[in-house]
Structure formats: C-alpha cells, structure tokens
C-alpha cells in the first residue's frame, strides 16, 4: 500500500497558500467582471477540479 502524500508545513504556508489566494482572487475578479451568479464561478472551479481528478485516475 502506498502512503498518502501530504504537504510539508513550509509548502502549506508558502506555495500552497499563495496559490490558493491567487486562484481565489482570480475567481473574484472574474465574478466582478462577468457580474454572474457565484454558482457559475463555482461550476468553473469544480470543472477544473474534475479535470485533475480524471487525470489522476488515468495515471493510476
């Protein structure tokens, strides 16, 4: 059985935190520019997440 990957504290406080904030800021910018419902932005983010989940299954 393969051990589950976990980020280090430095990774969480560094690149992960900054990337999370960047994505959140970009989503908020898109929300303001489009003046669309938040559900639309959530759908975009879910679609991106789904693509990553699909790729993970293909790599397994």
C-alpha atoms as a PDB file:
ATOM      1  CA  UNK A   1       0.000   0.000   0.000  1.00  0.00           C
ATOM      2  CA  UNK A   2       1.344   3.419  -0.991  1.00  0.00           C
ATOM      3  CA  UNK A   3       1.493   6.100   1.694  1.00  0.00           C
ATOM      4  CA  UNK A   4      -0.730   9.116   1.023  1.00  0.00           C
ATOM      5  CA  UNK A   5       1.188  12.252   0.022  1.00  0.00           C
ATOM      6  CA  UNK A   6       0.967  15.153   2.448  1.00  0.00           C
ATOM      7  CA  UNK A   7       2.474  18.613   2.014  1.00  0.00           C
ATOM      8  CA  UNK A   8       5.010  19.953   4.436  1.00  0.00           C
ATOM      9  CA  UNK A   9       4.225  22.876   6.717  1.00  0.00           C
ATOM     10  CA  UNK A  10       6.541  25.044   4.603  1.00  0.00           C
ATOM     11  CA  UNK A  11       4.659  24.058   1.441  1.00  0.00           C
ATOM     12  CA  UNK A  12       1.299  24.788   3.085  1.00  0.00           C
ATOM     13  CA  UNK A  13       2.445  28.178   4.355  1.00  0.00           C
ATOM     14  CA  UNK A  14       4.280  29.012   1.127  1.00  0.00           C
ATOM     15  CA  UNK A  15       3.357  27.941  -2.369  1.00  0.00           C
ATOM     16  CA  UNK A  16       0.015  26.300  -1.470  1.00  0.00           C
ATOM     17  CA  UNK A  17      -1.257  29.302   0.481  1.00  0.00           C
ATOM     18  CA  UNK A  18      -0.145  31.786  -2.163  1.00  0.00           C
ATOM     19  CA  UNK A  19      -1.627  29.713  -4.992  1.00  0.00           C
ATOM     20  CA  UNK A  20      -4.911  29.345  -3.112  1.00  0.00           C
ATOM     21  CA  UNK A  21      -5.110  33.112  -2.645  1.00  0.00           C
ATOM     22  CA  UNK A  22      -4.204  33.716  -6.300  1.00  0.00           C
ATOM     23  CA  UNK A  23      -6.941  31.382  -7.553  1.00  0.00           C
ATOM     24  CA  UNK A  24      -9.466  32.899  -5.140  1.00  0.00           C
ATOM     25  CA  UNK A  25      -8.546  36.434  -6.248  1.00  0.00           C
ATOM     26  CA  UNK A  26      -8.807  35.491  -9.925  1.00  0.00           C
ATOM     27  CA  UNK A  27     -12.215  33.909  -9.338  1.00  0.00           C
ATOM     28  CA  UNK A  28     -13.395  37.046  -7.545  1.00  0.00           C
ATOM     29  CA  UNK A  29     -12.084  39.224 -10.394  1.00  0.00           C
ATOM     30  CA  UNK A  30     -13.967  37.063 -12.902  1.00  0.00           C
ATOM     31  CA  UNK A  31     -17.105  37.288 -10.767  1.00  0.00           C
ATOM     32  CA  UNK A  32     -16.911  41.082 -10.753  1.00  0.00           C
ATOM     33  CA  UNK A  33     -16.149  41.324 -14.459  1.00  0.00           C
ATOM     34  CA  UNK A  34     -18.935  38.981 -15.548  1.00  0.00           C
ATOM     35  CA  UNK A  35     -21.471  40.060 -12.927  1.00  0.00           C
ATOM     36  CA  UNK A  36     -22.611  36.447 -12.883  1.00  0.00           C
ATOM     37  CA  UNK A  37     -24.002  34.301 -10.068  1.00  0.00           C
ATOM     38  CA  UNK A  38     -21.419  32.793  -7.730  1.00  0.00           C
ATOM     39  CA  UNK A  39     -22.696  29.354  -8.757  1.00  0.00           C
ATOM     40  CA  UNK A  40     -21.252  29.954 -12.228  1.00  0.00           C
ATOM     41  CA  UNK A  41     -17.770  30.582 -10.824  1.00  0.00           C
ATOM     42  CA  UNK A  42     -18.150  27.576  -8.519  1.00  0.00           C
ATOM     43  CA  UNK A  43     -19.008  25.484 -11.579  1.00  0.00           C
ATOM     44  CA  UNK A  44     -15.836  26.620 -13.339  1.00  0.00           C
ATOM     45  CA  UNK A  45     -13.730  25.705 -10.312  1.00  0.00           C
ATOM     46  CA  UNK A  46     -15.483  22.329  -9.980  1.00  0.00           C
ATOM     47  CA  UNK A  47     -14.810  21.639 -13.662  1.00  0.00           C
ATOM     48  CA  UNK A  48     -11.109  22.357 -13.146  1.00  0.00           C
ATOM     49  CA  UNK A  49     -11.062  20.073 -10.089  1.00  0.00           C
ATOM     50  CA  UNK A  50     -12.846  17.357 -12.066  1.00  0.00           C
ATOM     51  CA  UNK A  51     -10.190  17.546 -14.793  1.00  0.00           C
ATOM     52  CA  UNK A  52      -7.492  16.953 -12.186  1.00  0.00           C
ATOM     53  CA  UNK A  53      -9.425  14.052 -10.644  1.00  0.00           C
ATOM     54  CA  UNK A  54      -9.918  12.493 -14.091  1.00  0.00           C
ATOM     55  CA  UNK A  55      -6.201  12.808 -14.868  1.00  0.00           C
ATOM     56  CA  UNK A  56      -5.314  11.182 -11.546  1.00  0.00           C
ATOM     57  CA  UNK A  57      -7.477   8.169 -12.363  1.00  0.00           C
ATOM     58  CA  UNK A  58      -5.845   7.851 -15.808  1.00  0.00           C
ATOM     59  CA  UNK A  59      -2.367   7.920 -14.232  1.00  0.00           C
ATOM     60  CA  UNK A  60      -3.250   5.179 -11.725  1.00  0.00           C
END
